[in-house]
Amino acid sequence: MKEQAFRMKLKPGFADEYKKRHDAIWPELKKAITESGVYDYSIYLDEETLSLFAVQKVKDGGNPDVQKEMAIVRKWWDMMADIMDVNPDNSPVCVDLRPMFHMD
């Protein structure tokens, strides 16, 4: 198991909409994420900067990068593109975060 953390950016005024959309996440999207080896996935919002901080655990042998090729993931990206900073393919702009401290 490995843990990954990354940052994304929300556009101003869309915090409630972002939460609403994630509260109604599609079951087939959850299945696709799980099939890529991701579990225990959380996203937090820094309301001051509108930065979204995500932490996900990945099972041994899992590969979250395969999500980029999944039609359901690309459909989700397209739906979210109006409220987040995105790349030309509508994937969210993600910045990997370096681990600095962990305590069990």
PDB file of N, CA and C in Angstrom:
ATOM      1  N   MET A   1       0.841  -1.173   0.000  1.00  0.00           N
ATOM      2  CA  MET A   1       0.000   0.000   0.000  1.00  0.00           C
ATOM      3  C   MET A   1       0.883   1.233   0.000  1.00  0.00           C
ATOM      4  N   LYS A   2       0.490   2.201  -0.801  1.00  0.00           N
ATOM      5  CA  LYS A   2       1.159   3.492  -0.753  1.00  0.00           C
ATOM      6  C   LYS A   2       0.082   4.563  -0.628  1.00  0.00           C
ATOM      7  N   GLU A   3       0.500   5.699  -0.123  1.00  0.00           N
ATOM      8  CA  GLU A   3      -0.415   6.827   0.029  1.00  0.00           C
ATOM      9  C   GLU A   3       0.046   7.944  -0.891  1.00  0.00           C
ATOM     10  N   GLN A   4      -0.897   8.564  -1.564  1.00  0.00           N
ATOM     11  CA  GLN A   4      -0.594   9.682  -2.442  1.00  0.00           C
ATOM     12  C   GLN A   4      -1.412  10.893  -2.005  1.00  0.00           C
ATOM     13  N   ALA A   5      -0.796  12.052  -2.105  1.00  0.00           N
ATOM     14  CA  ALA A   5      -1.497  13.299  -1.816  1.00  0.00           C
ATOM     15  C   ALA A   5      -1.256  14.261  -2.968  1.00  0.00           C
ATOM     16  N   PHE A   6      -2.276  15.020  -3.302  1.00  0.00           N
ATOM     17  CA  PHE A   6      -2.137  16.006  -4.366  1.00  0.00           C
ATOM     18  C   PHE A   6      -3.102  17.159  -4.133  1.00  0.00           C
ATOM     19  N   ARG A   7      -2.816  18.254  -4.834  1.00  0.00           N
ATOM     20  CA  ARG A   7      -3.603  19.480  -4.698  1.00  0.00           C
ATOM     21  C   ARG A   7      -4.264  19.797  -6.025  1.00  0.00           C
ATOM     22  N   MET A   8      -5.507  20.247  -5.940  1.00  0.00           N
ATOM     23  CA  MET A   8      -6.239  20.736  -7.104  1.00  0.00           C
ATOM     24  C   MET A   8      -6.775  22.123  -6.737  1.00  0.00           C
ATOM     25  N   LYS A   9      -7.418  22.790  -7.674  1.00  0.00           N
ATOM     26  CA  LYS A   9      -7.885  24.159  -7.420  1.00  0.00           C
ATOM     27  C   LYS A   9      -9.341  24.307  -7.870  1.00  0.00           C
ATOM     28  N   LEU A  10     -10.138  24.859  -6.963  1.00  0.00           N
ATOM     29  CA  LEU A  10     -11.543  25.123  -7.229  1.00  0.00           C
ATOM     30  C   LEU A  10     -11.710  26.564  -7.689  1.00  0.00           C
ATOM     31  N   LYS A  11     -12.616  26.807  -8.612  1.00  0.00           N
ATOM     32  CA  LYS A  11     -12.911  28.172  -9.038  1.00  0.00           C
ATOM     33  C   LYS A  11     -13.749  28.860  -7.964  1.00  0.00           C
ATOM     34  N   PRO A  12     -13.614  30.177  -7.814  1.00  0.00           N
ATOM     35  CA  PRO A  12     -14.364  30.911  -6.782  1.00  0.00           C
ATOM     36  C   PRO A  12     -15.877  30.721  -6.915  1.00  0.00           C
ATOM     37  N   GLY A  13     -16.515  30.541  -5.771  1.00  0.00           N
ATOM     38  CA  GLY A  13     -17.969  30.450  -5.717  1.00  0.00           C
ATOM     39  C   GLY A  13     -18.547  29.074  -5.970  1.00  0.00           C
ATOM     40  N   PHE A  14     -17.713  28.048  -6.072  1.00  0.00           N
ATOM     41  CA  PHE A  14     -18.205  26.724  -6.434  1.00  0.00           C
ATOM     42  C   PHE A  14     -18.025  25.653  -5.353  1.00  0.00           C
ATOM     43  N   ALA A  15     -17.715  26.047  -4.133  1.00  0.00           N
ATOM     44  CA  ALA A  15     -17.500  25.052  -3.076  1.00  0.00           C
ATOM     45  C   ALA A  15     -18.745  24.200  -2.846  1.00  0.00           C
ATOM     46  N   ASP A  16     -19.900  24.835  -2.747  1.00  0.00           N
ATOM     47  CA  ASP A  16     -21.130  24.072  -2.496  1.00  0.00           C
ATOM     48  C   ASP A  16     -21.459  23.147  -3.664  1.00  0.00           C
ATOM     49  N   GLU A  17     -21.246  23.620  -4.883  1.00  0.00           N
ATOM     50  CA  GLU A  17     -21.520  22.789  -6.058  1.00  0.00           C
ATOM     51  C   GLU A  17     -20.555  21.609  -6.131  1.00  0.00           C
ATOM     52  N   TYR A  18     -19.292  21.845  -5.802  1.00  0.00           N
ATOM     53  CA  TYR A  18     -18.303  20.765  -5.793  1.00  0.00           C
ATOM     54  C   TYR A  18     -18.733  19.676  -4.807  1.00  0.00           C
ATOM     55  N   LYS A  19     -19.121  20.084  -3.615  1.00  0.00           N
ATOM     56  CA  LYS A  19     -19.566  19.120  -2.595  1.00  0.00           C
ATOM     57  C   LYS A  19     -20.820  18.384  -3.059  1.00  0.00           C
ATOM     58  N   LYS A  20     -21.763  19.118  -3.620  1.00  0.00           N
ATOM     59  CA  LYS A  20     -23.009  18.512  -4.102  1.00  0.00           C
ATOM     60  C   LYS A  20     -22.724  17.429  -5.147  1.00  0.00           C
ATOM     61  N   ARG A  21     -21.849  17.739  -6.089  1.00  0.00           N
ATOM     62  CA  ARG A  21     -21.538  16.754  -7.136  1.00  0.00           C
ATOM     63  C   ARG A  21     -20.838  15.531  -6.561  1.00  0.00           C
ATOM     64  N   HIS A  22     -19.951  15.736  -5.611  1.00  0.00           N
ATOM     65  CA  HIS A  22     -19.252  14.591  -5.020  1.00  0.00           C
ATOM     66  C   HIS A  22     -20.146  13.792  -4.071  1.00  0.00           C
ATOM     67  N   ASP A  23     -21.106  14.451  -3.456  1.00  0.00           N
ATOM     68  CA  ASP A  23     -22.056  13.717  -2.611  1.00  0.00           C
ATOM     69  C   ASP A  23     -22.911  12.770  -3.453  1.00  0.00           C
ATOM     70  N   ALA A  24     -23.037  13.070  -4.737  1.00  0.00           N
ATOM     71  CA  ALA A  24     -23.824  12.243  -5.647  1.00  0.00           C
ATOM     72  C   ALA A  24     -22.928  11.529  -6.665  1.00  0.00           C
ATOM     73  N   ILE A  25     -21.720  11.182  -6.242  1.00  0.00           N
ATOM     74  CA  ILE A  25     -20.770  10.536  -7.162  1.00  0.00           C
ATOM     75  C   ILE A  25     -21.412   9.288  -7.779  1.00  0.00           C
ATOM     76  N   TRP A  26     -21.152   9.102  -9.048  1.00  0.00           N
ATOM     77  CA  TRP A  26     -21.753   7.988  -9.777  1.00  0.00           C
ATOM     78  C   TRP A  26     -21.178   6.657  -9.286  1.00  0.00           C
ATOM     79  N   PRO A  27     -22.036   5.665  -9.066  1.00  0.00           N
ATOM     80  CA  PRO A  27     -21.545   4.349  -8.632  1.00  0.00           C
ATOM     81  C   PRO A  27     -20.520   3.757  -9.598  1.00  0.00           C
ATOM     82  N   GLU A  28     -20.718   3.955 -10.908  1.00  0.00           N
ATOM     83  CA  GLU A  28     -19.771   3.400 -11.885  1.00  0.00           C
ATOM     84  C   GLU A  28     -18.424   4.109 -11.831  1.00  0.00           C
ATOM     85  N   LEU A  29     -18.406   5.373 -11.401  1.00  0.00           N
ATOM     86  CA  LEU A  29     -17.142   6.078 -11.212  1.00  0.00           C
ATOM     87  C   LEU A  29     -16.417   5.531  -9.987  1.00  0.00           C
ATOM     88  N   LYS A  30     -17.150   5.347  -8.902  1.00  0.00           N
ATOM     89  CA  LYS A  30     -16.541   4.747  -7.703  1.00  0.00           C
ATOM     90  C   LYS A  30     -15.949   3.377  -8.023  1.00  0.00           C
ATOM     91  N   LYS A  31     -16.667   2.596  -8.818  1.00  0.00           N
ATOM     92  CA  LYS A  31     -16.187   1.265  -9.199  1.00  0.00           C
ATOM     93  C   LYS A  31     -14.891   1.373  -9.999  1.00  0.00           C
ATOM     94  N   ALA A  32     -14.837   2.304 -10.945  1.00  0.00           N
ATOM     95  CA  ALA A  32     -13.638   2.475 -11.766  1.00  0.00           C
ATOM     96  C   ALA A  32     -12.440   2.900 -10.916  1.00  0.00           C
ATOM     97  N   ILE A  33     -12.656   3.809  -9.991  1.00  0.00           N
ATOM     98  CA  ILE A  33     -11.572   4.248  -9.104  1.00  0.00           C
ATOM     99  C   ILE A  33     -11.078   3.078  -8.264  1.00  0.00           C
ATOM    100  N   THR A  34     -12.013   2.327  -7.723  1.00  0.00           N
ATOM    101  CA  THR A  34     -11.647   1.154  -6.913  1.00  0.00           C
ATOM    102  C   THR A  34     -10.882   0.124  -7.747  1.00  0.00           C
ATOM    103  N   GLU A  35     -11.333  -0.097  -8.978  1.00  0.00           N
ATOM    104  CA  GLU A  35     -10.663  -1.073  -9.851  1.00  0.00           C
ATOM    105  C   GLU A  35      -9.234  -0.660 -10.187  1.00  0.00           C
ATOM    106  N   SER A  36      -8.926   0.637 -10.098  1.00  0.00           N
ATOM    107  CA  SER A  36      -7.549   1.090 -10.351  1.00  0.00           C
ATOM    108  C   SER A  36      -6.653   0.897  -9.127  1.00  0.00           C
ATOM    109  N   GLY A  37      -7.239   0.404  -8.029  1.00  0.00           N
ATOM    110  CA  GLY A  37      -6.471   0.135  -6.813  1.00  0.00           C
ATOM    111  C   GLY A  37      -6.588   1.193  -5.741  1.00  0.00           C
ATOM    112  N   VAL A  38      -7.360   2.233  -5.987  1.00  0.00           N
ATOM    113  CA  VAL A  38      -7.504   3.326  -5.020  1.00  0.00           C
ATOM    114  C   VAL A  38      -8.589   2.977  -4.006  1.00  0.00           C
ATOM    115  N   TYR A  39      -8.288   3.265  -2.740  1.00  0.00           N
ATOM    116  CA  TYR A  39      -9.282   3.130  -1.674  1.00  0.00           C
ATOM    117  C   TYR A  39      -8.964   4.190  -0.622  1.00  0.00           C
ATOM    118  N   ASP A  40      -9.861   4.378   0.294  1.00  0.00           N
ATOM    119  CA  ASP A  40      -9.670   5.353   1.374  1.00  0.00           C
ATOM    120  C   ASP A  40      -9.235   6.707   0.791  1.00  0.00           C
ATOM    121  N   TYR A  41     -10.121   7.275  -0.015  1.00  0.00           N
ATOM    122  CA  TYR A  41      -9.856   8.487  -0.794  1.00  0.00           C
ATOM    123  C   TYR A  41     -10.641   9.636  -0.172  1.00  0.00           C
ATOM    124  N   SER A  42      -9.955  10.712   0.186  1.00  0.00           N
ATOM    125  CA  SER A  42     -10.603  11.885   0.779  1.00  0.00           C
ATOM    126  C   SER A  42     -10.113  13.151   0.090  1.00  0.00           C
ATOM    127  N   ILE A  43     -10.997  14.141   0.010  1.00  0.00           N
ATOM    128  CA  ILE A  43     -10.655  15.453  -0.541  1.00  0.00           C
ATOM    129  C   ILE A  43     -11.093  16.502   0.468  1.00  0.00           C
ATOM    130  N   TYR A  44     -10.200  17.441   0.764  1.00  0.00           N
ATOM    131  CA  TYR A  44     -10.464  18.513   1.714  1.00  0.00           C
ATOM    132  C   TYR A  44     -10.342  19.857   1.001  1.00  0.00           C
ATOM    133  N   LEU A  45     -11.090  20.846   1.471  1.00  0.00           N
ATOM    134  CA  LEU A  45     -11.051  22.172   0.887  1.00  0.00           C
ATOM    135  C   LEU A  45     -10.425  23.165   1.864  1.00  0.00           C
ATOM    136  N   ASP A  46      -9.445  23.927   1.389  1.00  0.00           N
ATOM    137  CA  ASP A  46      -8.935  25.093   2.111  1.00  0.00           C
ATOM    138  C   ASP A  46      -9.746  26.272   1.588  1.00  0.00           C
ATOM    139  N   GLU A  47     -10.718  26.720   2.358  1.00  0.00           N
ATOM    140  CA  GLU A  47     -11.639  27.751   1.876  1.00  0.00           C
ATOM    141  C   GLU A  47     -10.958  29.092   1.633  1.00  0.00           C
ATOM    142  N   GLU A  48      -9.844  29.333   2.275  1.00  0.00           N
ATOM    143  CA  GLU A  48      -9.128  30.592   2.083  1.00  0.00           C
ATOM    144  C   GLU A  48      -8.476  30.668   0.695  1.00  0.00           C
ATOM    145  N   THR A  49      -7.901  29.550   0.251  1.00  0.00           N
ATOM    146  CA  THR A  49      -7.180  29.538  -1.029  1.00  0.00           C
ATOM    147  C   THR A  49      -7.943  28.824  -2.145  1.00  0.00           C
ATOM    148  N   LEU A  50      -9.034  28.142  -1.800  1.00  0.00           N
ATOM    149  CA  LEU A  50      -9.805  27.303  -2.717  1.00  0.00           C
ATOM    150  C   LEU A  50      -9.000  26.122  -3.239  1.00  0.00           C
ATOM    151  N   SER A  51      -7.946  25.764  -2.511  1.00  0.00           N
ATOM    152  CA  SER A  51      -7.172  24.577  -2.849  1.00  0.00           C
ATOM    153  C   SER A  51      -7.888  23.342  -2.319  1.00  0.00           C
ATOM    154  N   LEU A  52      -7.951  22.330  -3.150  1.00  0.00           N
ATOM    155  CA  LEU A  52      -8.485  21.036  -2.770  1.00  0.00           C
ATOM    156  C   LEU A  52      -7.301  20.122  -2.491  1.00  0.00           C
ATOM    157  N   PHE A  53      -7.287  19.516  -1.326  1.00  0.00           N
ATOM    158  CA  PHE A  53      -6.197  18.647  -0.904  1.00  0.00           C
ATOM    159  C   PHE A  53      -6.731  17.223  -0.872  1.00  0.00           C
ATOM    160  N   ALA A  54      -6.180  16.363  -1.701  1.00  0.00           N
ATOM    161  CA  ALA A  54      -6.653  14.985  -1.812  1.00  0.00           C
ATOM    162  C   ALA A  54      -5.614  14.011  -1.271  1.00  0.00           C
ATOM    163  N   VAL A  55      -6.098  12.991  -0.589  1.00  0.00           N
ATOM    164  CA  VAL A  55      -5.257  11.909  -0.086  1.00  0.00           C
ATOM    165  C   VAL A  55      -5.938  10.600  -0.472  1.00  0.00           C
ATOM    166  N   GLN A  56      -5.161   9.721  -1.088  1.00  0.00           N
ATOM    167  CA  GLN A  56      -5.706   8.418  -1.454  1.00  0.00           C
ATOM    168  C   GLN A  56      -4.693   7.333  -1.155  1.00  0.00           C
ATOM    169  N   LYS A  57      -5.200   6.194  -0.770  1.00  0.00           N
ATOM    170  CA  LYS A  57      -4.361   5.025  -0.579  1.00  0.00           C
ATOM    171  C   LYS A  57      -4.510   4.147  -1.814  1.00  0.00           C
ATOM    172  N   VAL A  58      -3.394   3.528  -2.210  1.00  0.00           N
ATOM    173  CA  VAL A  58      -3.367   2.688  -3.404  1.00  0.00           C
ATOM    174  C   VAL A  58      -2.860   1.305  -3.004  1.00  0.00           C
ATOM    175  N   LYS A  59      -3.641   0.296  -3.336  1.00  0.00           N
ATOM    176  CA  LYS A  59      -3.250  -1.080  -3.040  1.00  0.00           C
ATOM    177  C   LYS A  59      -1.981  -1.444  -3.791  1.00  0.00           C
ATOM    178  N   ASP A  60      -1.208  -2.377  -3.224  1.00  0.00           N
ATOM    179  CA  ASP A  60      -0.041  -2.903  -3.932  1.00  0.00           C
ATOM    180  C   ASP A  60      -0.493  -3.423  -5.293  1.00  0.00           C
ATOM    181  N   GLY A  61       0.205  -3.023  -6.329  1.00  0.00           N
ATOM    182  CA  GLY A  61      -0.144  -3.429  -7.677  1.00  0.00           C
ATOM    183  C   GLY A  61      -1.178  -2.524  -8.339  1.00  0.00           C
ATOM    184  N   GLY A  62      -1.760  -1.596  -7.576  1.00  0.00           N
ATOM    185  CA  GLY A  62      -2.728  -0.659  -8.138  1.00  0.00           C
ATOM    186  C   GLY A  62      -2.039   0.420  -8.956  1.00  0.00           C
ATOM    187  N   ASN A  63      -2.795   1.039  -9.855  1.00  0.00           N
ATOM    188  CA  ASN A  63      -2.229   2.085 -10.705  1.00  0.00           C
ATOM    189  C   ASN A  63      -3.303   3.131 -11.025  1.00  0.00           C
ATOM    190  N   PRO A  64      -3.382   4.203 -10.242  1.00  0.00           N
ATOM    191  CA  PRO A  64      -4.390   5.229 -10.499  1.00  0.00           C
ATOM    192  C   PRO A  64      -4.265   5.885 -11.877  1.00  0.00           C
ATOM    193  N   ASP A  65      -3.101   5.811 -12.498  1.00  0.00           N
ATOM    194  CA  ASP A  65      -2.919   6.420 -13.812  1.00  0.00           C
ATOM    195  C   ASP A  65      -3.804   5.784 -14.888  1.00  0.00           C
ATOM    196  N   VAL A  66      -4.256   4.545 -14.677  1.00  0.00           N
ATOM    197  CA  VAL A  66      -5.124   3.909 -15.673  1.00  0.00           C
ATOM    198  C   VAL A  66      -6.479   4.608 -15.755  1.00  0.00           C
ATOM    199  N   GLN A  67      -6.823   5.389 -14.746  1.00  0.00           N
ATOM    200  CA  GLN A  67      -8.093   6.112 -14.765  1.00  0.00           C
ATOM    201  C   GLN A  67      -8.163   7.069 -15.953  1.00  0.00           C
ATOM    202  N   LYS A  68      -7.018   7.579 -16.387  1.00  0.00           N
ATOM    203  CA  LYS A  68      -6.981   8.540 -17.498  1.00  0.00           C
ATOM    204  C   LYS A  68      -7.572   7.959 -18.774  1.00  0.00           C
ATOM    205  N   GLU A  69      -7.549   6.647 -18.907  1.00  0.00           N
ATOM    206  CA  GLU A  69      -8.053   5.980 -20.113  1.00  0.00           C
ATOM    207  C   GLU A  69      -9.487   5.504 -19.966  1.00  0.00           C
ATOM    208  N   MET A  70     -10.091   5.690 -18.801  1.00  0.00           N
ATOM    209  CA  MET A  70     -11.444   5.190 -18.553  1.00  0.00           C
ATOM    210  C   MET A  70     -12.480   6.223 -18.985  1.00  0.00           C
ATOM    211  N   ALA A  71     -13.419   5.794 -19.826  1.00  0.00           N
ATOM    212  CA  ALA A  71     -14.449   6.709 -20.347  1.00  0.00           C
ATOM    213  C   ALA A  71     -15.250   7.357 -19.225  1.00  0.00           C
ATOM    214  N   ILE A  72     -15.580   6.624 -18.174  1.00  0.00           N
ATOM    215  CA  ILE A  72     -16.387   7.183 -17.088  1.00  0.00           C
ATOM    216  C   ILE A  72     -15.624   8.276 -16.346  1.00  0.00           C
ATOM    217  N   VAL A  73     -14.326   8.117 -16.214  1.00  0.00           N
ATOM    218  CA  VAL A  73     -13.504   9.137 -15.558  1.00  0.00           C
ATOM    219  C   VAL A  73     -13.448  10.385 -16.433  1.00  0.00           C
ATOM    220  N   ARG A  74     -13.266  10.212 -17.721  1.00  0.00           N
ATOM    221  CA  ARG A  74     -13.229  11.368 -18.627  1.00  0.00           C
ATOM    222  C   ARG A  74     -14.577  12.093 -18.651  1.00  0.00           C
ATOM    223  N   LYS A  75     -15.659  11.331 -18.545  1.00  0.00           N
ATOM    224  CA  LYS A  75     -16.993  11.942 -18.476  1.00  0.00           C
ATOM    225  C   LYS A  75     -17.129  12.784 -17.204  1.00  0.00           C
ATOM    226  N   TRP A  76     -16.610  12.287 -16.078  1.00  0.00           N
ATOM    227  CA  TRP A  76     -16.629  13.036 -14.813  1.00  0.00           C
ATOM    228  C   TRP A  76     -15.795  14.312 -14.951  1.00  0.00           C
ATOM    229  N   TRP A  77     -14.623  14.175 -15.530  1.00  0.00           N
ATOM    230  CA  TRP A  77     -13.776  15.363 -15.734  1.00  0.00           C
ATOM    231  C   TRP A  77     -14.520  16.424 -16.526  1.00  0.00           C
ATOM    232  N   ASP A  78     -15.196  16.006 -17.603  1.00  0.00           N
ATOM    233  CA  ASP A  78     -15.938  16.954 -18.426  1.00  0.00           C
ATOM    234  C   ASP A  78     -17.019  17.660 -17.609  1.00  0.00           C
ATOM    235  N   MET A  79     -17.693  16.911 -16.741  1.00  0.00           N
ATOM    236  CA  MET A  79     -18.745  17.499 -15.920  1.00  0.00           C
ATOM    237  C   MET A  79     -18.171  18.472 -14.889  1.00  0.00           C
ATOM    238  N   MET A  80     -16.966  18.216 -14.405  1.00  0.00           N
ATOM    239  CA  MET A  80     -16.365  19.044 -13.356  1.00  0.00           C
ATOM    240  C   MET A  80     -15.567  20.230 -13.908  1.00  0.00           C
ATOM    241  N   ALA A  81     -15.318  20.260 -15.200  1.00  0.00           N
ATOM    242  CA  ALA A  81     -14.418  21.253 -15.798  1.00  0.00           C
ATOM    243  C   ALA A  81     -14.876  22.691 -15.601  1.00  0.00           C
ATOM    244  N   ASP A  82     -16.176  22.910 -15.423  1.00  0.00           N
ATOM    245  CA  ASP A  82     -16.666  24.279 -15.277  1.00  0.00           C
ATOM    246  C   ASP A  82     -16.408  24.872 -13.905  1.00  0.00           C
ATOM    247  N   ILE A  83     -16.018  24.043 -12.939  1.00  0.00           N
ATOM    248  CA  ILE A  83     -15.845  24.562 -11.575  1.00  0.00           C
ATOM    249  C   ILE A  83     -14.436  24.390 -11.010  1.00  0.00           C
ATOM    250  N   MET A  84     -13.516  23.849 -11.816  1.00  0.00           N
ATOM    251  CA  MET A  84     -12.148  23.595 -11.357  1.00  0.00           C
ATOM    252  C   MET A  84     -11.138  24.075 -12.391  1.00  0.00           C
ATOM    253  N   ASP A  85      -9.908  24.250 -11.959  1.00  0.00           N
ATOM    254  CA  ASP A  85      -8.809  24.464 -12.901  1.00  0.00           C
ATOM    255  C   ASP A  85      -8.512  23.125 -13.571  1.00  0.00           C
ATOM    256  N   VAL A  86      -8.513  23.131 -14.904  1.00  0.00           N
ATOM    257  CA  VAL A  86      -8.328  21.881 -15.631  1.00  0.00           C
ATOM    258  C   VAL A  86      -7.284  22.036 -16.740  1.00  0.00           C
ATOM    259  N   ASN A  87      -6.781  20.893 -17.175  1.00  0.00           N
ATOM    260  CA  ASN A  87      -5.875  20.805 -18.315  1.00  0.00           C
ATOM    261  C   ASN A  87      -6.699  20.818 -19.609  1.00  0.00           C
ATOM    262  N   PRO A  88      -6.038  20.907 -20.780  1.00  0.00           N
ATOM    263  CA  PRO A  88      -6.780  20.918 -22.050  1.00  0.00           C
ATOM    264  C   PRO A  88      -7.708  19.715 -22.259  1.00  0.00           C
ATOM    265  N   ASP A  89      -7.393  18.560 -21.639  1.00  0.00           N
ATOM    266  CA  ASP A  89      -8.257  17.379 -21.770  1.00  0.00           C
ATOM    267  C   ASP A  89      -9.340  17.322 -20.693  1.00  0.00           C
ATOM    268  N   ASN A  90      -9.493  18.406 -19.947  1.00  0.00           N
ATOM    269  CA  ASN A  90     -10.459  18.549 -18.843  1.00  0.00           C
ATOM    270  C   ASN A  90     -10.076  17.779 -17.584  1.00  0.00           C
ATOM    271  N   SER A  91      -8.934  17.113 -17.565  1.00  0.00           N
ATOM    272  CA  SER A  91      -8.474  16.499 -16.317  1.00  0.00           C
ATOM    273  C   SER A  91      -8.126  17.631 -15.345  1.00  0.00           C
ATOM    274  N   PRO A  92      -8.358  17.409 -14.053  1.00  0.00           N
ATOM    275  CA  PRO A  92      -8.022  18.468 -13.107  1.00  0.00           C
ATOM    276  C   PRO A  92      -6.514  18.707 -13.066  1.00  0.00           C
ATOM    277  N   VAL A  93      -6.142  19.960 -12.920  1.00  0.00           N
ATOM    278  CA  VAL A  93      -4.731  20.284 -12.715  1.00  0.00           C
ATOM    279  C   VAL A  93      -4.380  19.759 -11.324  1.00  0.00           C
ATOM    280  N   CYS A  94      -3.472  18.800 -11.259  1.00  0.00           N
ATOM    281  CA  CYS A  94      -3.071  18.175  -9.992  1.00  0.00           C
ATOM    282  C   CYS A  94      -1.588  18.422  -9.752  1.00  0.00           C
ATOM    283  N   VAL A  95      -1.277  18.798  -8.533  1.00  0.00           N
ATOM    284  CA  VAL A  95       0.112  18.994  -8.124  1.00  0.00           C
ATOM    285  C   VAL A  95       0.388  17.977  -7.026  1.00  0.00           C
ATOM    286  N   ASP A  96       1.330  17.072  -7.282  1.00  0.00           N
ATOM    287  CA  ASP A  96       1.694  16.090  -6.261  1.00  0.00           C
ATOM    288  C   ASP A  96       2.288  16.801  -5.052  1.00  0.00           C
ATOM    289  N   LEU A  97       1.962  16.300  -3.878  1.00  0.00           N
ATOM    290  CA  LEU A  97       2.476  16.869  -2.636  1.00  0.00           C
ATOM    291  C   LEU A  97       3.472  15.903  -2.009  1.00  0.00           C
ATOM    292  N   ARG A  98       4.567  16.448  -1.550  1.00  0.00           N
ATOM    293  CA  ARG A  98       5.644  15.649  -0.967  1.00  0.00           C
ATOM    294  C   ARG A  98       5.341  15.370   0.506  1.00  0.00           C
ATOM    295  N   PRO A  99       5.432  14.121   0.923  1.00  0.00           N
ATOM    296  CA  PRO A  99       5.234  13.815   2.338  1.00  0.00           C
ATOM    297  C   PRO A  99       6.292  14.513   3.210  1.00  0.00           C
ATOM    298  N   MET A 100       5.837  15.082   4.296  1.00  0.00           N
ATOM    299  CA  MET A 100       6.746  15.787   5.201  1.00  0.00           C
ATOM    300  C   MET A 100       6.712  15.202   6.610  1.00  0.00           C
ATOM    301  N   PHE A 101       5.607  14.558   6.988  1.00  0.00           N
ATOM    302  CA  PHE A 101       5.489  13.987   8.313  1.00  0.00           C
ATOM    303  C   PHE A 101       4.349  13.002   8.316  1.00  0.00           C
ATOM    304  N   HIS A 102       4.533  11.919   9.061  1.00  0.00           N
ATOM    305  CA  HIS A 102       3.463  10.931   9.263  1.00  0.00           C
ATOM    306  C   HIS A 102       3.618  10.347  10.658  1.00  0.00           C
ATOM    307  N   MET A 103       2.496  10.159  11.313  1.00  0.00           N
ATOM    308  CA  MET A 103       2.525   9.538  12.633  1.00  0.00           C
ATOM    309  C   MET A 103       1.432   8.482  12.673  1.00  0.00           C
ATOM    310  N   ASP A 104       1.784   7.261  12.992  1.00  0.00           N
ATOM    311  CA  ASP A 104       0.773   6.186  13.169  1.00  0.00           C
ATOM    312  C   ASP A 104       0.193   6.281  14.552  1.00  0.00           C
TER     313      ASP A 104
END
